Amino acid sequence: RAISLVCKVTEANGKPAVKLSDNPRKATGDPAEIER
């Protein structure tokens, strides 16, 4: 059975990268940065 596996950019020049998405379950990034 296929699973939801991704490989996302997490930092750029040492700064955290964030994705919010239209679906909150697909959000990626540091929780504090997501809130920002």
Full PDB file with SEQRES, HELIX, SHEET, SSBOND, CRYST1, ORIGX, SCALE, CONECT and MASTER records, all heavy atoms in Angstrom:
SEQRES   1 A   36  ARG ALA ILE SER LEU VAL CYS LYS VAL THR GLU ALA ASN          
SEQRES   2 A   36  GLY LYS PRO ALA VAL LYS LEU SER ASP ASN PRO ARG LYS          
SEQRES   3 A   36  ALA THR GLY ASP PRO ALA GLU ILE GLU ARG                      
HELIX    1 AA1 PRO A   24  LYS A   26  5                                   3    
HELIX    2 AA2 PRO A   31  GLU A   35  1                                   5    
SHEET    1 AA1 2 GLU A  11  ALA A  12  0                                        
SHEET    2 AA1 2 LYS A  15  PRO A  16 -1                                        
CRYST1    1.000    1.000    1.000  90.00  90.00  90.00 P 1           1          
ORIGX1      1.000000  0.000000  0.000000        0.00000                         
ORIGX2      0.000000  1.000000  0.000000        0.00000                         
ORIGX3      0.000000  0.000000  1.000000        0.00000                         
SCALE1      1.000000  0.000000  0.000000        0.00000                         
SCALE2      0.000000  1.000000  0.000000        0.00000                         
SCALE3      0.000000  0.000000  1.000000        0.00000                         
ATOM      1  N   ARG A   1       0.842  -1.187   0.000  1.00  0.00           N  
ATOM      2  CA  ARG A   1       0.000   0.000   0.000  1.00  0.00           C  
ATOM      3  C   ARG A   1       0.885   1.247   0.000  1.00  0.00           C  
ATOM      4  O   ARG A   1       1.787   1.371   0.813  1.00  0.00           O  
ATOM      5  CB  ARG A   1      -0.917   0.001   1.220  1.00  0.00           C  
ATOM      6  CG  ARG A   1      -1.977   1.087   1.211  1.00  0.00           C  
ATOM      7  CD  ARG A   1      -2.828   1.005   2.477  1.00  0.00           C  
ATOM      8  NE  ARG A   1      -3.567  -0.245   2.541  1.00  0.00           N  
ATOM      9  CZ  ARG A   1      -4.779  -0.410   2.018  1.00  0.00           C  
ATOM     10  NH1 ARG A   1      -5.396   0.596   1.400  1.00  0.00           N  
ATOM     11  NH2 ARG A   1      -5.386  -1.591   2.123  1.00  0.00           N  
ATOM     12  N   ALA A   2       0.630   2.173  -0.913  1.00  0.00           N  
ATOM     13  CA  ALA A   2       1.429   3.393  -0.998  1.00  0.00           C  
ATOM     14  C   ALA A   2       1.273   4.246   0.254  1.00  0.00           C  
ATOM     15  O   ALA A   2       0.224   4.242   0.907  1.00  0.00           O  
ATOM     16  CB  ALA A   2       1.021   4.204  -2.228  1.00  0.00           C  
ATOM     17  N   ILE A   3       2.325   4.968   0.603  1.00  0.00           N  
ATOM     18  CA  ILE A   3       2.294   5.853   1.761  1.00  0.00           C  
ATOM     19  C   ILE A   3       2.603   7.275   1.323  1.00  0.00           C  
ATOM     20  O   ILE A   3       3.107   7.519   0.218  1.00  0.00           O  
ATOM     21  CB  ILE A   3       3.284   5.408   2.857  1.00  0.00           C  
ATOM     22  CG1 ILE A   3       4.732   5.454   2.326  1.00  0.00           C  
ATOM     23  CG2 ILE A   3       2.934   4.004   3.352  1.00  0.00           C  
ATOM     24  CD1 ILE A   3       5.775   5.160   3.402  1.00  0.00           C  
ATOM     25  N   SER A   4       2.331   8.225   2.202  1.00  0.00           N  
ATOM     26  CA  SER A   4       2.579   9.635   1.907  1.00  0.00           C  
ATOM     27  C   SER A   4       3.988   9.997   2.358  1.00  0.00           C  
ATOM     28  O   SER A   4       4.231  10.316   3.519  1.00  0.00           O  
ATOM     29  CB  SER A   4       1.546  10.527   2.607  1.00  0.00           C  
ATOM     30  OG  SER A   4       1.740  11.884   2.234  1.00  0.00           O  
ATOM     31  N   LEU A   5       4.901   9.923   1.428  1.00  0.00           N  
ATOM     32  CA  LEU A   5       6.309  10.190   1.683  1.00  0.00           C  
ATOM     33  C   LEU A   5       6.741  11.363   0.817  1.00  0.00           C  
ATOM     34  O   LEU A   5       6.511  11.365  -0.390  1.00  0.00           O  
ATOM     35  CB  LEU A   5       7.121   8.943   1.346  1.00  0.00           C  
ATOM     36  CG  LEU A   5       8.567   8.866   1.800  1.00  0.00           C  
ATOM     37  CD1 LEU A   5       8.655   8.769   3.315  1.00  0.00           C  
ATOM     38  CD2 LEU A   5       9.253   7.659   1.151  1.00  0.00           C  
ATOM     39  N   VAL A   6       7.359  12.380   1.426  1.00  0.00           N  
ATOM     40  CA  VAL A   6       7.793  13.556   0.677  1.00  0.00           C  
ATOM     41  C   VAL A   6       9.238  13.889   1.040  1.00  0.00           C  
ATOM     42  O   VAL A   6       9.766  13.439   2.057  1.00  0.00           O  
ATOM     43  CB  VAL A   6       6.895  14.786   0.945  1.00  0.00           C  
ATOM     44  CG1 VAL A   6       5.488  14.545   0.434  1.00  0.00           C  
ATOM     45  CG2 VAL A   6       6.878  15.149   2.429  1.00  0.00           C  
ATOM     46  N   CYS A   7       9.867  14.665   0.198  1.00  0.00           N  
ATOM     47  CA  CYS A   7      11.201  15.199   0.458  1.00  0.00           C  
ATOM     48  C   CYS A   7      11.124  16.698   0.196  1.00  0.00           C  
ATOM     49  O   CYS A   7      11.028  17.125  -0.953  1.00  0.00           O  
ATOM     50  CB  CYS A   7      12.237  14.520  -0.434  1.00  0.00           C  
ATOM     51  SG  CYS A   7      13.958  15.002  -0.107  1.00  0.00           S  
ATOM     52  N   LYS A   8      11.131  17.492   1.255  1.00  0.00           N  
ATOM     53  CA  LYS A   8      10.866  18.921   1.150  1.00  0.00           C  
ATOM     54  C   LYS A   8      12.092  19.740   1.535  1.00  0.00           C  
ATOM     55  O   LYS A   8      12.914  19.319   2.348  1.00  0.00           O  
ATOM     56  CB  LYS A   8       9.708  19.307   2.076  1.00  0.00           C  
ATOM     57  CG  LYS A   8       8.355  18.733   1.654  1.00  0.00           C  
ATOM     58  CD  LYS A   8       7.849  19.373   0.369  1.00  0.00           C  
ATOM     59  CE  LYS A   8       6.458  18.890   0.020  1.00  0.00           C  
ATOM     60  NZ  LYS A   8       6.008  19.463  -1.294  1.00  0.00           N  
ATOM     61  N   VAL A   9      12.173  20.938   0.938  1.00  0.00           N  
ATOM     62  CA  VAL A   9      13.197  21.876   1.373  1.00  0.00           C  
ATOM     63  C   VAL A   9      12.845  22.341   2.788  1.00  0.00           C  
ATOM     64  O   VAL A   9      11.710  22.728   3.064  1.00  0.00           O  
ATOM     65  CB  VAL A   9      13.317  23.061   0.394  1.00  0.00           C  
ATOM     66  CG1 VAL A   9      12.021  23.844   0.251  1.00  0.00           C  
ATOM     67  CG2 VAL A   9      14.460  23.970   0.800  1.00  0.00           C  
ATOM     68  N   THR A  10      13.809  22.266   3.700  1.00  0.00           N  
ATOM     69  CA  THR A  10      13.569  22.607   5.101  1.00  0.00           C  
ATOM     70  C   THR A  10      14.358  23.824   5.563  1.00  0.00           C  
ATOM     71  O   THR A  10      13.998  24.456   6.549  1.00  0.00           O  
ATOM     72  CB  THR A  10      13.904  21.411   6.013  1.00  0.00           C  
ATOM     73  OG1 THR A  10      15.212  20.899   5.692  1.00  0.00           O  
ATOM     74  CG2 THR A  10      12.871  20.297   5.821  1.00  0.00           C  
ATOM     75  N   GLU A  11      15.445  24.148   4.852  1.00  0.00           N  
ATOM     76  CA  GLU A  11      16.231  25.337   5.178  1.00  0.00           C  
ATOM     77  C   GLU A  11      16.787  25.962   3.908  1.00  0.00           C  
ATOM     78  O   GLU A  11      17.053  25.259   2.926  1.00  0.00           O  
ATOM     79  CB  GLU A  11      17.410  24.988   6.102  1.00  0.00           C  
ATOM     80  CG  GLU A  11      17.049  24.692   7.540  1.00  0.00           C  
ATOM     81  CD  GLU A  11      18.282  24.516   8.406  1.00  0.00           C  
ATOM     82  OE1 GLU A  11      19.418  24.504   7.852  1.00  0.00           O  
ATOM     83  OE2 GLU A  11      18.145  24.398   9.633  1.00  0.00           O  
ATOM     84  N   ALA A  12      16.957  27.273   3.939  1.00  0.00           N  
ATOM     85  CA  ALA A  12      17.632  27.989   2.861  1.00  0.00           C  
ATOM     86  C   ALA A  12      18.569  29.001   3.499  1.00  0.00           C  
ATOM     87  O   ALA A  12      18.116  29.879   4.256  1.00  0.00           O  
ATOM     88  CB  ALA A  12      16.620  28.679   1.949  1.00  0.00           C  
ATOM     89  N   ASN A  13      19.843  28.867   3.217  1.00  0.00           N  
ATOM     90  CA  ASN A  13      20.863  29.690   3.869  1.00  0.00           C  
ATOM     91  C   ASN A  13      20.707  29.707   5.385  1.00  0.00           C  
ATOM     92  O   ASN A  13      20.865  30.743   6.039  1.00  0.00           O  
ATOM     93  CB  ASN A  13      20.861  31.119   3.315  1.00  0.00           C  
ATOM     94  CG  ASN A  13      21.527  31.218   1.952  1.00  0.00           C  
ATOM     95  OD1 ASN A  13      22.115  30.256   1.466  1.00  0.00           O  
ATOM     96  ND2 ASN A  13      21.418  32.382   1.322  1.00  0.00           N  
ATOM     97  N   GLY A  14      20.379  28.556   5.935  1.00  0.00           N  
ATOM     98  CA  GLY A  14      20.253  28.403   7.372  1.00  0.00           C  
ATOM     99  C   GLY A  14      18.941  28.874   7.965  1.00  0.00           C  
ATOM    100  O   GLY A  14      18.721  28.722   9.176  1.00  0.00           O  
ATOM    101  N   LYS A  15      18.044  29.431   7.127  1.00  0.00           N  
ATOM    102  CA  LYS A  15      16.753  29.907   7.608  1.00  0.00           C  
ATOM    103  C   LYS A  15      15.671  28.865   7.316  1.00  0.00           C  
ATOM    104  O   LYS A  15      15.668  28.255   6.255  1.00  0.00           O  
ATOM    105  CB  LYS A  15      16.396  31.232   6.942  1.00  0.00           C  
ATOM    106  CG  LYS A  15      17.367  32.363   7.261  1.00  0.00           C  
ATOM    107  CD  LYS A  15      16.947  33.644   6.581  1.00  0.00           C  
ATOM    108  CE  LYS A  15      17.857  34.795   6.934  1.00  0.00           C  
ATOM    109  NZ  LYS A  15      17.439  36.061   6.240  1.00  0.00           N  
ATOM    110  N   PRO A  16      14.731  28.670   8.245  1.00  0.00           N  
ATOM    111  CA  PRO A  16      13.719  27.621   8.061  1.00  0.00           C  
ATOM    112  C   PRO A  16      12.762  27.917   6.912  1.00  0.00           C  
ATOM    113  O   PRO A  16      12.344  29.063   6.720  1.00  0.00           O  
ATOM    114  CB  PRO A  16      12.981  27.611   9.404  1.00  0.00           C  
ATOM    115  CG  PRO A  16      13.229  28.955  10.010  1.00  0.00           C  
ATOM    116  CD  PRO A  16      14.588  29.370   9.545  1.00  0.00           C  
ATOM    117  N   ALA A  17      12.451  26.877   6.153  1.00  0.00           N  
ATOM    118  CA  ALA A  17      11.496  26.976   5.052  1.00  0.00           C  
ATOM    119  C   ALA A  17      10.161  26.397   5.496  1.00  0.00           C  
ATOM    120  O   ALA A  17      10.108  25.434   6.256  1.00  0.00           O  
ATOM    121  CB  ALA A  17      12.007  26.237   3.822  1.00  0.00           C  
ATOM    122  N   VAL A  18       9.075  26.982   4.994  1.00  0.00           N  
ATOM    123  CA  VAL A  18       7.728  26.636   5.440  1.00  0.00           C  
ATOM    124  C   VAL A  18       6.805  26.438   4.244  1.00  0.00           C  
ATOM    125  O   VAL A  18       6.904  27.156   3.248  1.00  0.00           O  
ATOM    126  CB  VAL A  18       7.141  27.746   6.360  1.00  0.00           C  
ATOM    127  CG1 VAL A  18       5.661  27.496   6.649  1.00  0.00           C  
ATOM    128  CG2 VAL A  18       7.926  27.825   7.655  1.00  0.00           C  
ATOM    129  N   LYS A  19       5.927  25.466   4.354  1.00  0.00           N  
ATOM    130  CA  LYS A  19       4.807  25.312   3.432  1.00  0.00           C  
ATOM    131  C   LYS A  19       3.534  25.201   4.266  1.00  0.00           C  
ATOM    132  O   LYS A  19       3.464  24.412   5.207  1.00  0.00           O  
ATOM    133  CB  LYS A  19       4.971  24.058   2.575  1.00  0.00           C  
ATOM    134  CG  LYS A  19       3.805  23.806   1.620  1.00  0.00           C  
ATOM    135  CD  LYS A  19       3.944  22.445   0.947  1.00  0.00           C  
ATOM    136  CE  LYS A  19       2.718  22.120   0.085  1.00  0.00           C  
ATOM    137  NZ  LYS A  19       2.739  20.729  -0.418  1.00  0.00           N  
ATOM    138  N   LEU A  20       2.534  25.998   3.947  1.00  0.00           N  
ATOM    139  CA  LEU A  20       1.262  25.947   4.658  1.00  0.00           C  
ATOM    140  C   LEU A  20       0.270  25.008   3.981  1.00  0.00           C  
ATOM    141  O   LEU A  20      -0.385  24.214   4.643  1.00  0.00           O  
ATOM    142  CB  LEU A  20       0.648  27.343   4.781  1.00  0.00           C  
ATOM    143  CG  LEU A  20       1.407  28.365   5.639  1.00  0.00           C  
ATOM    144  CD1 LEU A  20       0.652  29.691   5.664  1.00  0.00           C  
ATOM    145  CD2 LEU A  20       1.625  27.856   7.051  1.00  0.00           C  
ATOM    146  N   SER A  21       0.135  25.161   2.635  1.00  0.00           N  
ATOM    147  CA  SER A  21      -0.786  24.345   1.846  1.00  0.00           C  
ATOM    148  C   SER A  21      -2.243  24.735   2.120  1.00  0.00           C  
ATOM    149  O   SER A  21      -2.571  25.354   3.130  1.00  0.00           O  
ATOM    150  CB  SER A  21      -0.583  22.849   2.130  1.00  0.00           C  
ATOM    151  OG  SER A  21      -1.508  22.042   1.440  1.00  0.00           O  
ATOM    152  N   ASP A  22      -3.123  24.336   1.210  1.00  0.00           N  
ATOM    153  CA  ASP A  22      -4.567  24.478   1.445  1.00  0.00           C  
ATOM    154  C   ASP A  22      -5.082  23.417   2.408  1.00  0.00           C  
ATOM    155  O   ASP A  22      -6.172  23.551   2.948  1.00  0.00           O  
ATOM    156  CB  ASP A  22      -5.331  24.382   0.119  1.00  0.00           C  
ATOM    157  CG  ASP A  22      -5.213  25.644  -0.714  1.00  0.00           C  
ATOM    158  OD1 ASP A  22      -5.164  26.738  -0.129  1.00  0.00           O  
ATOM    159  OD2 ASP A  22      -5.161  25.533  -1.954  1.00  0.00           O  
ATOM    160  N   ASN A  23      -4.303  22.373   2.582  1.00  0.00           N  
ATOM    161  CA  ASN A  23      -4.640  21.299   3.514  1.00  0.00           C  
ATOM    162  C   ASN A  23      -3.663  21.349   4.684  1.00  0.00           C  
ATOM    163  O   ASN A  23      -2.476  21.045   4.524  1.00  0.00           O  
ATOM    164  CB  ASN A  23      -4.541  19.941   2.803  1.00  0.00           C  
ATOM    165  CG  ASN A  23      -4.881  18.764   3.716  1.00  0.00           C  
ATOM    166  OD1 ASN A  23      -5.217  18.931   4.890  1.00  0.00           O  
ATOM    167  ND2 ASN A  23      -4.775  17.561   3.179  1.00  0.00           N  
ATOM    168  N   PRO A  24      -4.108  21.742   5.881  1.00  0.00           N  
ATOM    169  CA  PRO A  24      -3.199  21.869   7.017  1.00  0.00           C  
ATOM    170  C   PRO A  24      -2.385  20.615   7.306  1.00  0.00           C  
ATOM    171  O   PRO A  24      -1.280  20.708   7.854  1.00  0.00           O  
ATOM    172  CB  PRO A  24      -4.142  22.197   8.182  1.00  0.00           C  
ATOM    173  CG  PRO A  24      -5.337  22.835   7.531  1.00  0.00           C  
ATOM    174  CD  PRO A  24      -5.488  22.135   6.222  1.00  0.00           C  
ATOM    175  N   ARG A  25      -2.894  19.450   6.930  1.00  0.00           N  
ATOM    176  CA  ARG A  25      -2.148  18.218   7.174  1.00  0.00           C  
ATOM    177  C   ARG A  25      -0.902  18.102   6.292  1.00  0.00           C  
ATOM    178  O   ARG A  25      -0.042  17.258   6.573  1.00  0.00           O  
ATOM    179  CB  ARG A  25      -3.051  16.998   6.967  1.00  0.00           C  
ATOM    180  CG  ARG A  25      -4.140  16.855   8.015  1.00  0.00           C  
ATOM    181  CD  ARG A  25      -4.699  15.447   8.019  1.00  0.00           C  
ATOM    182  NE  ARG A  25      -5.776  15.269   8.969  1.00  0.00           N  
ATOM    183  CZ  ARG A  25      -6.360  14.109   9.230  1.00  0.00           C  
ATOM    184  NH1 ARG A  25      -5.944  13.008   8.633  1.00  0.00           N  
ATOM    185  NH2 ARG A  25      -7.353  14.024  10.089  1.00  0.00           N  
ATOM    186  N   LYS A  26      -0.825  18.930   5.249  1.00  0.00           N  
ATOM    187  CA  LYS A  26       0.327  18.892   4.366  1.00  0.00           C  
ATOM    188  C   LYS A  26       1.341  19.993   4.678  1.00  0.00           C  
ATOM    189  O   LYS A  26       2.333  20.154   3.967  1.00  0.00           O  
ATOM    190  CB  LYS A  26      -0.117  18.980   2.898  1.00  0.00           C  
ATOM    191  CG  LYS A  26      -0.985  17.817   2.465  1.00  0.00           C  
ATOM    192  CD  LYS A  26      -1.412  17.925   1.016  1.00  0.00           C  
ATOM    193  CE  LYS A  26      -0.435  17.314   0.098  1.00  0.00           C  
ATOM    194  NZ  LYS A  26      -0.897  17.240  -1.318  1.00  0.00           N  
ATOM    195  N   ALA A  27       1.074  20.743   5.755  1.00  0.00           N  
ATOM    196  CA  ALA A  27       1.999  21.805   6.154  1.00  0.00           C  
ATOM    197  C   ALA A  27       3.329  21.192   6.607  1.00  0.00           C  
ATOM    198  O   ALA A  27       3.363  20.151   7.248  1.00  0.00           O  
ATOM    199  CB  ALA A  27       1.400  22.647   7.269  1.00  0.00           C  
ATOM    200  N   THR A  28       4.427  21.866   6.267  1.00  0.00           N  
ATOM    201  CA  THR A  28       5.753  21.429   6.703  1.00  0.00           C  
ATOM    202  C   THR A  28       6.528  22.632   7.224  1.00  0.00           C  
ATOM    203  O   THR A  28       6.361  23.757   6.761  1.00  0.00           O  
ATOM    204  CB  THR A  28       6.550  20.767   5.558  1.00  0.00           C  
ATOM    205  OG1 THR A  28       6.750  21.705   4.497  1.00  0.00           O  
ATOM    206  CG2 THR A  28       5.840  19.544   5.033  1.00  0.00           C  
ATOM    207  N   GLY A  29       7.399  22.358   8.190  1.00  0.00           N  
ATOM    208  CA  GLY A  29       8.233  23.414   8.733  1.00  0.00           C  
ATOM    209  C   GLY A  29       8.199  23.425  10.254  1.00  0.00           C  
ATOM    210  O   GLY A  29       7.408  22.723  10.889  1.00  0.00           O  
ATOM    211  N   ASP A  30       9.051  24.232  10.827  1.00  0.00           N  
ATOM    212  CA  ASP A  30       9.096  24.407  12.276  1.00  0.00           C  
ATOM    213  C   ASP A  30       7.758  24.973  12.764  1.00  0.00           C  
ATOM    214  O   ASP A  30       7.236  25.929  12.180  1.00  0.00           O  
ATOM    215  CB  ASP A  30      10.232  25.360  12.650  1.00  0.00           C  
ATOM    216  CG  ASP A  30      10.289  25.638  14.128  1.00  0.00           C  
ATOM    217  OD1 ASP A  30      10.836  24.800  14.863  1.00  0.00           O  
ATOM    218  OD2 ASP A  30       9.756  26.683  14.563  1.00  0.00           O  
ATOM    219  N   PRO A  31       7.167  24.398  13.815  1.00  0.00           N  
ATOM    220  CA  PRO A  31       5.838  24.853  14.284  1.00  0.00           C  
ATOM    221  C   PRO A  31       5.771  26.352  14.565  1.00  0.00           C  
ATOM    222  O   PRO A  31       4.759  26.997  14.254  1.00  0.00           O  
ATOM    223  CB  PRO A  31       5.614  24.032  15.557  1.00  0.00           C  
ATOM    224  CG  PRO A  31       6.406  22.777  15.336  1.00  0.00           C  
ATOM    225  CD  PRO A  31       7.612  23.205  14.570  1.00  0.00           C  
ATOM    226  N   ALA A  32       6.819  26.921  15.156  1.00  0.00           N  
ATOM    227  CA  ALA A  32       6.817  28.358  15.443  1.00  0.00           C  
ATOM    228  C   ALA A  32       6.800  29.166  14.141  1.00  0.00           C  
ATOM    229  O   ALA A  32       6.121  30.206  14.053  1.00  0.00           O  
ATOM    230  CB  ALA A  32       8.031  28.726  16.289  1.00  0.00           C  
ATOM    231  N   GLU A  33       7.544  28.697  13.149  1.00  0.00           N  
ATOM    232  CA  GLU A  33       7.546  29.381  11.867  1.00  0.00           C  
ATOM    233  C   GLU A  33       6.212  29.233  11.146  1.00  0.00           C  
ATOM    234  O   GLU A  33       5.749  30.166  10.485  1.00  0.00           O  
ATOM    235  CB  GLU A  33       8.683  28.857  10.982  1.00  0.00           C  
ATOM    236  CG  GLU A  33      10.059  29.342  11.386  1.00  0.00           C  
ATOM    237  CD  GLU A  33      10.198  30.849  11.269  1.00  0.00           C  
ATOM    238  OE1 GLU A  33      10.001  31.390  10.168  1.00  0.00           O  
ATOM    239  OE2 GLU A  33      10.489  31.489  12.294  1.00  0.00           O  
ATOM    240  N   ILE A  34       5.591  28.078  11.265  1.00  0.00           N  
ATOM    241  CA  ILE A  34       4.269  27.891  10.671  1.00  0.00           C  
ATOM    242  C   ILE A  34       3.292  28.897  11.254  1.00  0.00           C  
ATOM    243  O   ILE A  34       2.495  29.512  10.525  1.00  0.00           O  
ATOM    244  CB  ILE A  34       3.782  26.441  10.885  1.00  0.00           C  
ATOM    245  CG1 ILE A  34       4.580  25.480   9.999  1.00  0.00           C  
ATOM    246  CG2 ILE A  34       2.280  26.328  10.576  1.00  0.00           C  
ATOM    247  CD1 ILE A  34       4.234  24.015  10.217  1.00  0.00           C  
ATOM    248  N   GLU A  35       3.337  29.097  12.572  1.00  0.00           N  
ATOM    249  CA  GLU A  35       2.456  30.073  13.209  1.00  0.00           C  
ATOM    250  C   GLU A  35       2.745  31.482  12.705  1.00  0.00           C  
ATOM    251  O   GLU A  35       1.820  32.282  12.496  1.00  0.00           O  
ATOM    252  CB  GLU A  35       2.621  30.020  14.725  1.00  0.00           C  
ATOM    253  CG  GLU A  35       2.015  28.775  15.357  1.00  0.00           C  
ATOM    254  CD  GLU A  35       0.518  28.653  15.065  1.00  0.00           C  
ATOM    255  OE1 GLU A  35      -0.206  29.670  15.183  1.00  0.00           O  
ATOM    256  OE2 GLU A  35       0.087  27.542  14.681  1.00  0.00           O  
ATOM    257  N   ARG A  36       4.020  31.796  12.519  1.00  0.00           N  
ATOM    258  CA  ARG A  36       4.386  33.103  11.966  1.00  0.00           C  
ATOM    259  C   ARG A  36       3.805  33.281  10.568  1.00  0.00           C  
ATOM    260  O   ARG A  36       3.216  34.341  10.261  1.00  0.00           O  
ATOM    261  CB  ARG A  36       5.903  33.246  11.929  1.00  0.00           C  
ATOM    262  CG  ARG A  36       6.387  34.561  11.327  1.00  0.00           C  
ATOM    263  CD  ARG A  36       7.872  34.515  11.039  1.00  0.00           C  
ATOM    264  NE  ARG A  36       8.340  35.741  10.412  1.00  0.00           N  
ATOM    265  CZ  ARG A  36       9.499  35.867   9.777  1.00  0.00           C  
ATOM    266  NH1 ARG A  36      10.319  34.811   9.705  1.00  0.00           N  
ATOM    267  NH2 ARG A  36       9.833  37.016   9.212  1.00  0.00           N  
TER     268      ARG A  36                                                      
MASTER        0    0    0    2    2    0    0    6  267    1    0    3          
END                                                                             
